[in-house]
């Protein structure tokens, strides 16, 4: 199934790929619904559900959620409706959904910020049309709807003679189901409180779950109140208060508009700098207008000194060709793929114009998709290895039985031959080769056989002492001493599985030194919620070509090796939600670093 989901990710772009993956998982495991929630501050908000739109309001309320972690950070939860109590989603599928979800939330956040910037620009550009409250109300509601979601929009204007707020305009859906006050006195109810205190207010109603109200003022004079509401709970936050304040300030007069422009520019610059995507703009003369710091990931020589300079100063790049084509054609280009060194980017370019439709320039956004590209490649490898592993396990079972028969028959033959040294020598060679084949078969079965995870809490020093005791004859044979410096580090892990990891690493280290050195070192530290354990030898090292392949099953540089030791090490470490890294310098030695969560819960 992993291969099928990978194909979906390869063929479709986010968010379509995420939607299709969830639908496929739902079908495969006979679930009634799958929902994704993202963590917004301290609250979970519904992001995506396979239910029909009209049923999504109460979706998944009674079902437990699977926490989704990305790089040890909680980003949301996955809710599986209709699953059996003992059902467990396969880890590789959960990891794929988590990664796609993280990318989709990140990209949507960037798109939201760009939309908000564009909206604020339109507000400033059309400020004169918004100064008249009665004439500009339709424009105001339309502008608000571009970047703040609401089901109900209300505009109250202040009546000096009556000393109250009067409803001027209402806009939204299902207005007949709620009670809308036509006249509001200062201090009476939430809207009256806004009129009296002249401060924005978030409040909640029994039917309209979330309201955001903003006073509209000119100097010290109250002009009215703008209120928006939605049937969703906790829908608005401080960001929306600031945005609505910018909008209402446009209605207060030109002087307030000037002050707002300063605020808009400051916030726009901040948003641009916080965007995960790189942004670069040029004018019609191909001069660099603006950029954010994320664009420097793609253009290392980008600096403020290049503002106003010809964009060719950035060097030869397909991104510049894309900008040039956009200026010439005035057309949008989306998801243009660009490879640069070991990085992979997606670029989207668009022209921007003034109110008369005259072209002012072009902009390009750059998103680093290297991690997605690497994930696709890694998942492809895992899918292939999974198939190969199944075949290898079947073959191993078939080979083991005749091997046992051969060993038994050769031993009987040895007894029949009696004391014939010249023949017994050949028999011993046969038995040795049978044992070697049996060792390889055992390694294949160990690598492919799923085993239970038995978690316990123990001292890392106790584990390493056990490993060194088991390897004592082997270490004495080669005259190697093991230096351990791990202090009182504790692990929540499977003791026996990690024992296998360090047995393999120490054996490899001793064989790599081959008499060149007589010391292995093991160091451990706790850092940023992780336990990092380093195993270093001082042998011949590993060349760069082999370094890329050492964790590949059946790859070995030793004649007697099976090539499964390090592959098994990598699999066990990943079972612990960890990773293994390796650094090697030819003729100086090799260091393997095992990085594990400080406390692993299962």
Protein backbone atom coordinates (compact mmCIF):
# COMPACT_ATOMS: atom_id res chain seq x y z
CA UNK A 1 0.00 0.00 0.00
CA UNK A 2 2.92 2.33 0.71
CA UNK A 3 3.94 2.16 -2.96
CA UNK A 4 0.41 3.13 -4.00
CA UNK A 5 0.33 6.13 -1.64
CA UNK A 6 3.77 7.17 -2.87
CA UNK A 7 2.48 7.09 -6.44
CA UNK A 8 -0.38 9.42 -5.41
CA UNK A 9 2.15 11.84 -3.89
CA UNK A 10 4.25 11.66 -7.07
CA UNK A 11 1.35 12.25 -9.48
CA UNK A 12 -0.61 14.89 -7.56
CA UNK A 13 0.41 18.07 -5.81
CA UNK A 14 -0.70 19.16 -2.37
CA UNK A 15 -3.47 19.45 -1.19
CA UNK A 16 -5.05 17.06 -3.74
CA UNK A 17 -2.49 14.37 -2.90
CA UNK A 18 -3.30 14.57 0.83
CA UNK A 19 -7.02 14.30 0.14
CA UNK A 20 -6.56 11.24 -2.10
CA UNK A 21 -4.18 9.56 0.38
CA UNK A 22 -6.73 9.96 3.21
CA UNK A 23 -9.50 8.62 1.01
CA UNK A 24 -7.36 5.60 0.02
CA UNK A 25 -6.48 4.86 3.67
CA UNK A 26 -10.14 5.16 4.61
CA UNK A 27 -11.12 2.61 1.95
CA UNK A 28 -8.23 0.24 2.68
CA UNK A 29 -9.00 -0.07 6.40
CA UNK A 30 -12.82 0.16 6.08
CA UNK A 31 -13.10 3.38 8.11
CA UNK A 32 -16.22 5.54 8.18
CA UNK A 33 -14.32 8.83 8.25
CA UNK A 34 -10.82 10.31 8.56
CA UNK A 35 -10.28 13.80 9.96
CA UNK A 36 -7.17 15.93 10.34
CA UNK A 37 -6.91 18.60 13.04
CA UNK A 38 -4.13 21.15 13.29
CA UNK A 39 -2.88 22.61 16.56
CA UNK A 40 -3.59 26.35 16.64
CA UNK A 41 -2.02 27.79 19.81
CA UNK A 42 -3.54 25.42 22.40
CA UNK A 43 -6.68 24.42 20.48
CA UNK A 44 -7.25 21.82 17.78
CA UNK A 45 -9.01 23.11 14.66
CA UNK A 46 -10.55 20.92 11.96
CA UNK A 47 -8.38 21.01 8.83
CA UNK A 48 -9.74 18.28 6.59
CA UNK A 49 -12.45 15.60 6.75
CA UNK A 50 -13.91 13.06 4.37
CA UNK A 51 -17.44 13.85 5.58
CA UNK A 52 -19.79 15.91 3.38
CA UNK A 53 -19.49 19.67 3.99
CA UNK A 54 -22.82 19.96 5.80
CA UNK A 55 -21.82 17.28 8.33
CA UNK A 56 -18.38 18.64 9.23
CA UNK A 57 -19.39 20.91 12.09
CA UNK A 58 -19.55 18.11 14.66
CA UNK A 59 -17.09 15.81 13.00
CA UNK A 60 -15.07 13.33 15.09
CA UNK A 61 -16.21 14.71 18.44
CA UNK A 62 -16.36 11.28 20.10
CA UNK A 63 -13.36 9.53 18.58
CA UNK A 64 -9.82 9.44 20.04
CA UNK A 65 -7.09 11.08 18.04
CA UNK A 66 -3.58 9.96 17.09
CA UNK A 67 -1.07 12.74 17.96
CA UNK A 68 1.02 13.79 14.94
CA UNK A 69 4.61 14.83 15.65
CA UNK A 70 6.98 16.41 13.14
CA UNK A 71 10.63 16.69 14.29
CA UNK A 72 9.44 16.09 17.90
CA UNK A 73 6.94 18.99 17.65
CA UNK A 74 3.19 18.33 18.03
CA UNK A 75 1.42 19.71 14.93
CA UNK A 76 -2.02 18.11 15.09
CA UNK A 77 -3.94 14.88 15.38
CA UNK A 78 -5.46 12.24 13.11
CA UNK A 79 -8.91 10.88 13.93
CA UNK A 80 -9.99 7.50 12.51
CA UNK A 81 -13.73 6.88 12.83
CA UNK A 82 -15.09 3.35 12.63
CA UNK A 83 -11.78 1.69 13.53
CA UNK A 84 -11.67 -1.32 15.84
CA UNK A 85 -10.44 -0.62 19.41
CA UNK A 86 -7.23 -2.58 18.72
CA UNK A 87 -6.63 -1.03 15.29
CA UNK A 88 -3.22 0.55 14.76
CA UNK A 89 -2.35 2.52 11.64
CA UNK A 90 0.94 1.28 10.08
CA UNK A 91 3.81 3.53 11.16
CA UNK A 92 5.11 4.22 7.63
CA UNK A 93 1.65 5.35 6.48
CA UNK A 94 1.22 7.55 9.59
CA UNK A 95 4.65 9.13 8.96
CA UNK A 96 3.72 9.86 5.34
CA UNK A 97 0.41 11.51 6.34
CA UNK A 98 2.22 13.54 9.03
CA UNK A 99 4.81 14.83 6.57
CA UNK A 100 2.21 15.73 3.89
CA UNK A 101 0.03 17.43 6.51
CA UNK A 102 2.96 19.52 7.77
CA UNK A 103 3.83 20.62 4.22
CA UNK A 104 0.19 21.47 3.44
CA UNK A 105 -0.27 23.55 6.62
CA UNK A 106 3.04 25.38 5.93
CA UNK A 107 2.14 26.13 2.31
CA UNK A 108 -1.41 27.21 3.17
CA UNK A 109 -0.02 29.55 5.80
CA UNK A 110 2.26 31.12 3.20
CA UNK A 111 -0.62 31.49 0.71
CA UNK A 112 -2.79 33.06 3.45
CA UNK A 113 -0.11 35.61 4.28
CA UNK A 114 0.35 36.54 0.61
CA UNK A 115 -3.42 36.94 0.20
CA UNK A 116 -3.58 39.18 3.25
CA UNK A 117 -0.74 41.35 1.94
CA UNK A 118 -2.48 41.75 -1.39
CA UNK A 119 -5.76 42.66 0.34
CA UNK A 120 -4.13 45.28 2.55
CA UNK A 121 -2.52 46.76 -0.55
CA UNK A 122 -5.94 46.97 -2.24
CA UNK A 123 -7.39 48.69 0.84
CA UNK A 124 -4.73 51.38 0.80
CA UNK A 125 -5.04 51.84 -2.96
CA UNK A 126 -8.83 52.28 -2.79
CA UNK A 127 -8.93 54.25 0.45
CA UNK A 128 -10.82 57.19 -1.04
CA UNK A 129 -13.68 54.87 -2.03
CA UNK A 130 -13.99 53.68 1.56
CA UNK A 131 -14.13 57.03 3.36
CA UNK A 132 -17.89 57.39 2.85
CA UNK A 133 -19.50 54.92 5.24
CA UNK A 134 -22.82 54.59 3.49
CA UNK A 135 -21.36 54.36 -0.02
CA UNK A 136 -18.42 52.15 0.83
CA UNK A 137 -20.14 49.51 2.93
CA UNK A 138 -20.42 46.95 0.13
CA UNK A 139 -16.73 47.35 -0.65
CA UNK A 140 -15.89 47.08 3.04
CA UNK A 141 -17.76 43.79 3.49
CA UNK A 142 -16.21 42.43 0.29
CA UNK A 143 -12.71 43.37 1.41
CA UNK A 144 -13.21 41.87 4.87
CA UNK A 145 -14.42 38.59 3.35
CA UNK A 146 -11.18 38.25 1.39
CA UNK A 147 -9.06 37.51 4.40
CA UNK A 148 -11.30 37.07 7.48
CA UNK A 149 -13.91 34.32 7.32
CA UNK A 150 -17.41 35.22 8.57
CA UNK A 151 -20.97 34.01 8.23
CA UNK A 152 -22.52 37.31 9.36
CA UNK A 153 -21.35 40.90 8.81
CA UNK A 154 -23.07 43.84 10.55
CA UNK A 155 -22.44 47.56 10.29
CA UNK A 156 -23.93 49.91 12.90
CA UNK A 157 -23.71 53.71 12.45
CA UNK A 158 -23.77 56.15 15.37
CA UNK A 159 -26.84 58.42 15.58
CA UNK A 160 -25.90 61.56 17.53
CA UNK A 161 -29.47 62.80 17.91
CA UNK A 162 -30.74 59.49 19.31
CA UNK A 163 -27.50 58.69 21.16
CA UNK A 164 -27.48 55.09 19.97
CA UNK A 165 -26.18 52.71 17.30
CA UNK A 166 -28.50 51.91 14.40
CA UNK A 167 -28.16 48.91 12.10
CA UNK A 168 -27.13 50.19 8.67
CA UNK A 169 -26.27 46.99 6.83
CA UNK A 170 -26.42 43.23 7.46
CA UNK A 171 -24.78 40.61 5.28
CA UNK A 172 -24.46 36.83 5.56
CA UNK A 173 -26.22 33.47 5.66
CA UNK A 174 -29.14 32.22 7.78
CA UNK A 175 -29.77 35.72 9.16
CA UNK A 176 -33.39 34.78 9.82
CA UNK A 177 -32.31 32.21 12.43
CA UNK A 178 -30.70 34.74 14.75
CA UNK A 179 -31.88 37.88 16.50
CA UNK A 180 -30.24 41.05 15.20
CA UNK A 181 -30.79 44.17 17.28
CA UNK A 182 -31.79 47.18 15.19
CA UNK A 183 -30.84 49.76 17.84
CA UNK A 184 -28.15 49.47 20.53
CA UNK A 185 -27.50 51.83 23.42
CA UNK A 186 -23.95 52.45 24.73
CA UNK A 187 -23.06 50.05 27.56
CA UNK A 188 -25.93 47.66 26.78
CA UNK A 189 -24.74 44.25 25.58
CA UNK A 190 -21.39 43.44 23.94
CA UNK A 191 -21.82 45.90 21.05
CA UNK A 192 -22.90 48.61 23.47
CA UNK A 193 -19.73 47.88 25.47
CA UNK A 194 -17.62 48.38 22.33
CA UNK A 195 -19.36 51.74 21.71
CA UNK A 196 -18.78 52.87 25.28
CA UNK A 197 -15.17 51.68 25.73
CA UNK A 198 -14.02 52.30 22.13
CA UNK A 199 -12.09 49.01 22.17
CA UNK A 200 -12.35 45.90 19.96
CA UNK A 201 -14.04 42.91 21.56
CA UNK A 202 -14.17 39.15 21.01
CA UNK A 203 -17.35 37.63 22.42
CA UNK A 204 -19.49 34.53 22.05
CA UNK A 205 -23.20 34.03 21.47
CA UNK A 206 -25.36 30.94 21.93
CA UNK A 207 -26.13 30.65 18.23
CA UNK A 208 -23.38 32.68 16.57
CA UNK A 209 -20.47 31.09 18.37
CA UNK A 210 -17.84 33.76 17.62
CA UNK A 211 -18.20 37.52 17.22
CA UNK A 212 -15.53 40.14 16.56
CA UNK A 213 -16.57 43.78 16.92
CA UNK A 214 -14.49 46.86 16.08
CA UNK A 215 -15.23 50.55 16.74
CA UNK A 216 -14.92 52.91 13.77
CA UNK A 217 -13.58 56.25 14.93
CA UNK A 218 -12.36 59.54 13.57
CA UNK A 219 -10.20 61.23 16.16
CA UNK A 220 -12.27 61.08 19.35
CA UNK A 221 -15.57 60.74 17.50
CA UNK A 222 -17.35 57.37 17.21
CA UNK A 223 -18.68 56.78 13.67
CA UNK A 224 -20.01 53.28 14.11
CA UNK A 225 -19.19 49.64 14.78
CA UNK A 226 -18.28 46.85 12.41
CA UNK A 227 -19.10 43.33 13.69
CA UNK A 228 -18.47 39.98 12.03
CA UNK A 229 -19.56 36.58 13.31
CA UNK A 230 -19.33 32.86 12.52
CA UNK A 231 -21.10 29.72 13.66
CA UNK A 232 -17.75 28.17 14.60
CA UNK A 233 -16.37 28.43 18.14
CA UNK A 234 -13.11 30.30 18.87
CA UNK A 235 -12.78 31.32 15.24
CA UNK A 236 -11.07 34.70 15.70
CA UNK A 237 -7.82 35.75 17.31
CA UNK A 238 -5.57 38.75 17.85
CA UNK A 239 -4.40 38.62 14.23
CA UNK A 240 -7.99 39.18 13.06
CA UNK A 241 -8.44 42.06 15.51
CA UNK A 242 -5.41 43.82 14.04
CA UNK A 243 -6.58 43.18 10.47
CA UNK A 244 -10.11 44.43 11.12
CA UNK A 245 -8.70 47.47 12.88
CA UNK A 246 -6.75 48.33 9.73
CA UNK A 247 -9.95 48.03 7.69
CA UNK A 248 -12.08 50.17 10.01
CA UNK A 249 -9.40 52.82 10.15
CA UNK A 250 -9.77 53.35 6.38
CA UNK A 251 -13.31 54.55 6.99
CA UNK A 252 -12.23 57.21 9.47
CA UNK A 253 -10.59 59.63 7.08
CA UNK A 254 -7.46 60.35 5.13
CA UNK A 255 -5.40 61.29 8.20
CA UNK A 256 -6.02 57.93 9.82
CA UNK A 257 -5.26 56.31 6.48
CA UNK A 258 -1.74 57.73 6.52
CA UNK A 259 -1.12 56.31 9.99
CA UNK A 260 -2.49 52.96 8.89
CA UNK A 261 -0.19 52.80 5.87
CA UNK A 262 2.82 52.94 8.19
CA UNK A 263 1.39 50.08 10.23
CA UNK A 264 0.51 48.09 7.10
CA UNK A 265 4.01 48.46 5.69
CA UNK A 266 5.61 47.44 8.96
CA UNK A 267 3.38 44.39 9.25
CA UNK A 268 3.80 43.56 5.55
CA UNK A 269 7.58 43.60 5.94
CA UNK A 270 7.26 41.37 8.99
CA UNK A 271 4.99 38.92 7.18
CA UNK A 272 7.31 38.83 4.17
CA UNK A 273 10.27 38.02 6.39
CA UNK A 274 8.37 35.30 8.25
CA UNK A 275 7.19 33.59 5.08
CA UNK A 276 8.74 30.13 4.53
CA UNK A 277 8.73 30.80 0.77
CA UNK A 278 11.27 33.09 -0.88
CA UNK A 279 9.91 36.18 -2.67
CA UNK A 280 11.62 38.33 -5.32
CA UNK A 281 10.05 41.17 -7.35
CA UNK A 282 11.33 43.13 -10.36
CA UNK A 283 9.96 46.11 -12.29
CA UNK A 284 9.37 46.40 -16.04
CA UNK A 285 12.99 47.49 -16.54
CA UNK A 286 14.14 44.19 -14.98
CA UNK A 287 15.45 45.96 -11.88
CA UNK A 288 15.22 44.27 -8.50
CA UNK A 289 12.47 45.87 -6.41
CA UNK A 290 12.20 43.82 -3.24
CA UNK A 291 12.92 40.41 -1.71
CA UNK A 292 12.77 38.60 1.61
CA UNK A 293 15.51 36.75 3.43
CA UNK A 294 14.14 33.33 2.40
CA UNK A 295 14.99 34.19 -1.22
CA UNK A 296 18.68 34.25 -0.23
CA UNK A 297 18.49 30.44 0.09
CA UNK A 298 18.22 30.33 -3.68
CA UNK A 299 20.33 33.44 -4.46
CA UNK A 300 23.34 33.46 -2.06
CA UNK A 301 24.58 36.84 -3.37
CA UNK A 302 21.23 38.60 -2.80
CA UNK A 303 21.60 41.74 -0.66
CA UNK A 304 20.03 45.17 -0.15
CA UNK A 305 22.80 46.68 -2.29
CA UNK A 306 21.21 45.02 -5.34
CA UNK A 307 17.91 46.91 -4.95
CA UNK A 308 17.48 48.96 -8.14
CA UNK A 309 20.11 46.89 -9.98
CA UNK A 310 19.51 44.78 -13.08
CA UNK A 311 18.29 41.33 -12.08
CA UNK A 312 21.10 39.73 -14.13
CA UNK A 313 23.37 40.72 -11.23
CA UNK A 314 22.02 37.60 -9.55
CA UNK A 315 23.73 35.44 -12.16
CA UNK A 316 22.40 32.92 -14.63
CA UNK A 317 19.32 31.16 -13.25
CA UNK A 318 16.12 29.58 -14.62
CA UNK A 319 14.23 31.71 -12.08
CA UNK A 320 15.33 34.87 -13.88
CA UNK A 321 14.24 33.36 -17.19
CA UNK A 322 10.87 32.64 -15.59
CA UNK A 323 10.53 36.27 -14.44
CA UNK A 324 11.50 37.50 -17.88
CA UNK A 325 8.88 35.29 -19.55
CA UNK A 326 6.25 36.51 -17.05
CA UNK A 327 6.99 40.16 -17.89
CA UNK A 328 6.77 39.47 -21.62
CA UNK A 329 3.60 37.35 -21.50
CA UNK A 330 1.85 38.82 -18.41
CA UNK A 331 0.80 35.27 -17.52
CA UNK A 332 0.95 33.28 -14.30
CA UNK A 333 3.27 30.29 -13.99
CA UNK A 334 2.75 27.85 -11.12
CA UNK A 335 4.84 25.03 -9.65
CA UNK A 336 7.78 25.37 -12.02
CA UNK A 337 10.34 22.79 -10.88
CA UNK A 338 13.99 23.82 -10.49
CA UNK A 339 16.96 21.72 -9.36
CA UNK A 340 19.94 23.56 -7.87
CA UNK A 341 22.80 21.45 -6.56
CA UNK A 342 21.38 19.03 -4.01
CA UNK A 343 18.30 21.22 -3.48
CA UNK A 344 14.99 21.12 -5.28
CA UNK A 345 12.67 24.15 -5.59
CA UNK A 346 9.20 24.96 -6.90
CA UNK A 347 8.76 28.45 -8.36
CA UNK A 348 5.57 30.36 -9.14
CA UNK A 349 5.64 33.73 -10.92
CA UNK A 350 2.94 36.32 -11.54
CA UNK A 351 2.69 39.84 -12.99
CA UNK A 352 1.31 42.73 -10.94
CA UNK A 353 -0.48 45.76 -12.41
CA UNK A 354 -1.98 49.09 -11.37
CA UNK A 355 -5.68 50.01 -11.35
CA UNK A 356 -5.52 50.84 -15.07
CA UNK A 357 -4.23 47.38 -15.92
CA UNK A 358 -0.76 48.68 -16.71
CA UNK A 359 2.06 46.25 -15.98
CA UNK A 360 4.25 47.31 -13.04
CA UNK A 361 6.51 44.27 -12.77
CA UNK A 362 6.69 40.59 -11.91
CA UNK A 363 7.20 38.54 -8.76
CA UNK A 364 8.32 34.99 -8.08
CA UNK A 365 7.91 32.81 -5.01
CA UNK A 366 10.36 29.99 -4.29
CA UNK A 367 9.56 26.99 -2.08
CA UNK A 368 12.26 24.52 -1.05
CA UNK A 369 10.89 21.06 -1.83
CA UNK A 370 14.12 19.17 -1.16
CA UNK A 371 12.69 17.37 1.85
CA UNK A 372 9.65 16.20 -0.11
CA UNK A 373 11.91 15.05 -2.95
CA UNK A 374 14.14 13.15 -0.55
CA UNK A 375 11.11 11.64 1.16
CA UNK A 376 9.74 10.40 -2.17
CA UNK A 377 13.12 8.86 -2.99
CA UNK A 378 13.38 7.26 0.45
CA UNK A 379 9.85 5.88 0.27
CA UNK A 380 10.55 4.43 -3.17
CA UNK A 381 13.63 2.68 -1.77
CA UNK A 382 11.67 1.41 1.25
CA UNK A 383 8.91 0.09 -0.98
CA UNK A 384 11.43 -1.79 -3.14
CA UNK A 385 13.32 -3.10 -0.10
CA UNK A 386 10.06 -4.25 1.47
CA UNK A 387 9.30 -6.37 -1.58
CA UNK A 388 12.86 -7.69 -1.74
CA UNK A 389 12.71 -8.45 1.99
CA UNK A 390 9.57 -10.55 1.60
CA UNK A 391 11.18 -12.53 -1.22
CA UNK A 392 14.41 -12.94 0.76
CA UNK A 393 12.54 -14.21 3.82
CA UNK A 394 10.71 -16.82 1.74
CA UNK A 395 13.96 -17.97 0.12
CA UNK A 396 15.72 -18.07 3.49
CA UNK A 397 13.10 -20.41 4.91
CA UNK A 398 13.39 -22.66 1.86
CA UNK A 399 17.22 -22.73 2.06
CA UNK A 400 17.46 -23.40 5.81
CA UNK A 401 15.77 -26.84 5.64
CA UNK A 402 18.09 -28.39 3.01
CA UNK A 403 21.09 -26.83 4.77
CA UNK A 404 20.19 -28.70 7.95
CA UNK A 405 19.92 -31.92 5.92
CA UNK A 406 23.31 -31.35 4.27
CA UNK A 407 25.00 -30.73 7.65
CA UNK A 408 23.49 -33.91 9.11
CA UNK A 409 24.52 -36.07 6.13
CA UNK A 410 28.07 -34.66 6.09
CA UNK A 411 28.44 -35.42 9.81
CA UNK A 412 27.26 -39.01 9.20
CA UNK A 413 29.76 -39.28 6.33
CA UNK A 414 32.52 -38.05 8.63
CA UNK A 415 31.74 -40.78 11.14
CA UNK A 416 31.73 -43.43 8.40
CA UNK A 417 35.11 -42.31 7.06
CA UNK A 418 36.72 -42.59 10.48
CA UNK A 419 40.28 -41.37 10.90
CA UNK A 420 41.18 -40.24 7.37
CA UNK A 421 42.84 -36.80 7.75
CA UNK A 422 43.01 -36.07 4.01
CA UNK A 423 39.25 -36.64 3.63
CA UNK A 424 38.23 -35.11 6.96
CA UNK A 425 39.86 -31.86 5.89
CA UNK A 426 37.42 -31.56 2.97
CA UNK A 427 34.51 -32.45 5.23
CA UNK A 428 35.46 -29.67 7.67
CA UNK A 429 35.54 -27.17 4.77
CA UNK A 430 32.05 -28.30 3.72
CA UNK A 431 30.76 -27.94 7.28
CA UNK A 432 32.33 -24.47 7.53
CA UNK A 433 30.63 -23.32 4.35
CA UNK A 434 27.29 -24.78 5.50
CA UNK A 435 27.65 -22.83 8.77
CA UNK A 436 28.45 -19.65 6.83
CA UNK A 437 25.35 -20.08 4.66
CA UNK A 438 23.28 -20.74 7.76
CA UNK A 439 24.65 -17.51 9.30
CA UNK A 440 23.62 -15.53 6.22
CA UNK A 441 20.15 -17.10 6.24
CA UNK A 442 19.78 -16.26 9.95
CA UNK A 443 20.79 -12.66 9.20
CA UNK A 444 18.15 -12.38 6.46
CA UNK A 445 15.46 -13.74 8.75
CA UNK A 446 16.51 -11.40 11.57
CA UNK A 447 16.36 -8.40 9.22
CA UNK A 448 12.97 -9.25 7.70
CA UNK A 449 11.18 -10.83 10.67
CA UNK A 450 8.92 -8.40 12.57
CA UNK A 451 9.43 -8.58 16.32
CA UNK A 452 7.61 -7.18 19.34
CA UNK A 453 8.86 -3.92 20.84
CA UNK A 454 9.57 -4.39 24.57
CA UNK A 455 10.14 -0.97 26.06
CA UNK A 456 11.75 -0.47 29.45
CA UNK A 457 13.77 2.21 31.21
CA UNK A 458 17.44 1.43 31.86
CA UNK A 459 20.87 3.00 32.22
CA UNK A 460 22.82 3.22 28.99
CA UNK A 461 25.95 2.19 30.95
CA UNK A 462 24.28 -1.11 31.95
CA UNK A 463 23.53 -1.85 28.31
CA UNK A 464 27.10 -1.09 27.18
CA UNK A 465 28.60 -3.17 30.02
CA UNK A 466 26.50 -6.13 28.87
CA UNK A 467 27.66 -5.68 25.27
CA UNK A 468 31.34 -5.47 26.27
CA UNK A 469 30.98 -8.61 28.41
CA UNK A 470 29.54 -10.56 25.46
CA UNK A 471 32.34 -9.30 23.21
CA UNK A 472 35.14 -9.81 25.75
CA UNK A 473 36.81 -12.80 23.95
CA UNK A 474 36.53 -10.97 20.61
CA UNK A 475 38.01 -7.74 22.02
CA UNK A 476 40.85 -9.61 23.75
CA UNK A 477 41.65 -11.46 20.52
CA UNK A 478 42.30 -8.14 18.73
CA UNK A 479 43.71 -6.37 21.80
CA UNK A 480 41.10 -3.61 21.72
CA UNK A 481 39.89 -1.63 24.76
CA UNK A 482 36.54 0.19 24.85
CA UNK A 483 36.40 3.63 26.49
CA UNK A 484 32.89 4.53 27.71
CA UNK A 485 31.82 8.03 28.71
CA UNK A 486 28.03 8.15 28.98
CA UNK A 487 27.51 9.14 32.62
CA UNK A 488 24.08 8.27 34.01
CA UNK A 489 22.13 8.61 30.78
CA UNK A 490 18.85 6.70 30.78
CA UNK A 491 16.87 5.37 27.84
CA UNK A 492 13.25 4.33 27.31
CA UNK A 493 13.83 1.66 24.70
CA UNK A 494 14.03 -2.05 23.88
CA UNK A 495 17.11 -3.31 25.75
CA UNK A 496 17.73 -6.38 23.55
CA UNK A 497 17.23 -4.55 20.25
CA UNK A 498 19.73 -1.82 21.20
CA UNK A 499 22.10 -4.51 22.46
CA UNK A 500 22.13 -5.89 18.90
CA UNK A 501 22.87 -2.38 17.57
CA UNK A 502 25.98 -1.90 19.72
CA UNK A 503 27.19 -5.48 19.19
CA UNK A 504 27.23 -4.83 15.44
CA UNK A 505 28.83 -1.38 15.69
CA UNK A 506 31.61 -2.53 18.04
CA UNK A 507 32.38 -5.60 15.92
CA UNK A 508 32.57 -3.43 12.79
CA UNK A 509 34.81 -0.92 14.58
CA UNK A 510 37.27 -3.59 15.73
CA UNK A 511 37.44 -5.15 12.25
CA UNK A 512 37.85 -1.72 10.63
CA UNK A 513 40.93 -0.97 12.76
CA UNK A 514 42.52 -4.34 11.84
CA UNK A 515 45.41 -3.87 14.25
CA UNK A 516 45.93 -0.22 13.30
CA UNK A 517 44.56 1.01 16.65
CA UNK A 518 43.63 -0.58 19.97
CA UNK A 519 40.93 1.77 21.22
CA UNK A 520 37.22 2.26 20.61
CA UNK A 521 35.31 5.11 22.29
CA UNK A 522 31.62 5.49 23.15
CA UNK A 523 30.30 8.90 24.24
CA UNK A 524 26.80 9.97 25.19
CA UNK A 525 25.06 13.27 25.88
CA UNK A 526 21.58 14.72 26.37
CA UNK A 527 20.77 17.68 24.12
CA UNK A 528 17.50 19.45 23.24
CA UNK A 529 15.31 16.52 24.30
CA UNK A 530 17.48 13.97 22.48
CA UNK A 531 20.02 11.37 23.56
CA UNK A 532 23.04 11.31 21.22
CA UNK A 533 25.38 8.29 21.42
CA UNK A 534 28.62 8.26 19.39
CA UNK A 535 30.66 5.13 18.63
CA UNK A 536 34.11 5.97 17.20
CA UNK A 537 36.87 3.78 15.82
CA UNK A 538 40.30 4.91 14.64
CA UNK A 539 40.74 2.64 11.66
CA UNK A 540 40.98 2.95 7.91
CA UNK A 541 37.72 4.91 7.49
CA UNK A 542 35.14 4.59 4.71
CA UNK A 543 35.45 6.20 1.30
CA UNK A 544 32.70 8.52 0.10
CA UNK A 545 31.34 6.09 -2.48
CA UNK A 546 30.87 3.30 0.06
CA UNK A 547 29.56 5.76 2.67
CA UNK A 548 26.42 6.23 0.57
CA UNK A 549 25.72 2.49 0.56
CA UNK A 550 26.71 1.15 3.98
CA UNK A 551 23.11 0.87 5.23
CA UNK A 552 21.94 -0.92 2.06
CA UNK A 553 21.10 -4.59 2.70
CA UNK A 554 23.72 -7.08 1.42
CA UNK A 555 26.33 -4.39 0.78
CA UNK A 556 29.67 -5.34 2.35
CA UNK A 557 33.37 -4.78 1.77
CA UNK A 558 34.42 -7.90 3.72
CA UNK A 559 34.60 -11.30 2.07
CA UNK A 560 33.03 -13.03 5.07
CA UNK A 561 30.38 -10.37 5.70
CA UNK A 562 26.66 -10.77 4.99
CA UNK A 563 26.01 -7.05 4.46
CA UNK A 564 23.05 -7.12 6.84
CA UNK A 565 24.62 -5.83 10.08
CA UNK A 566 24.36 -2.07 9.45
CA UNK A 567 21.03 -2.46 7.63
CA UNK A 568 19.68 -4.13 10.78
CA UNK A 569 21.21 -1.37 12.94
CA UNK A 570 19.44 1.33 10.90
CA UNK A 571 16.11 -0.49 11.07
CA UNK A 572 16.27 -0.90 14.86
CA UNK A 573 17.19 2.77 15.40
CA UNK A 574 14.28 3.87 13.20
CA UNK A 575 11.95 1.57 15.17
CA UNK A 576 12.88 3.74 18.16
CA UNK A 577 11.84 6.89 16.21
CA UNK A 578 15.51 7.80 15.97
CA UNK A 579 18.09 8.19 13.25
CA UNK A 580 21.71 7.20 12.67
CA UNK A 581 24.39 9.38 11.11
CA UNK A 582 27.94 8.55 10.10
CA UNK A 583 31.09 10.61 9.60
CA UNK A 584 34.27 9.07 8.25
CA UNK A 585 37.73 10.32 7.32
CA UNK A 586 39.95 7.94 5.31
CA UNK A 587 42.91 6.64 7.38
CA UNK A 588 41.57 8.45 10.49
CA UNK A 589 38.46 6.56 11.55
CA UNK A 590 34.68 6.48 11.57
CA UNK A 591 32.03 7.76 13.99
CA UNK A 592 28.45 6.48 14.09
CA UNK A 593 25.96 8.76 15.90
CA UNK A 594 22.71 7.28 17.19
CA UNK A 595 20.11 9.98 17.92
CA UNK A 596 17.09 8.91 19.99
CA UNK A 597 14.20 10.78 21.63
CA UNK A 598 14.97 11.27 25.31
CA UNK A 599 11.75 9.53 26.24
CA UNK A 600 10.02 7.29 23.73
CA UNK A 601 6.36 6.44 24.42
CA UNK A 602 4.63 3.48 22.91
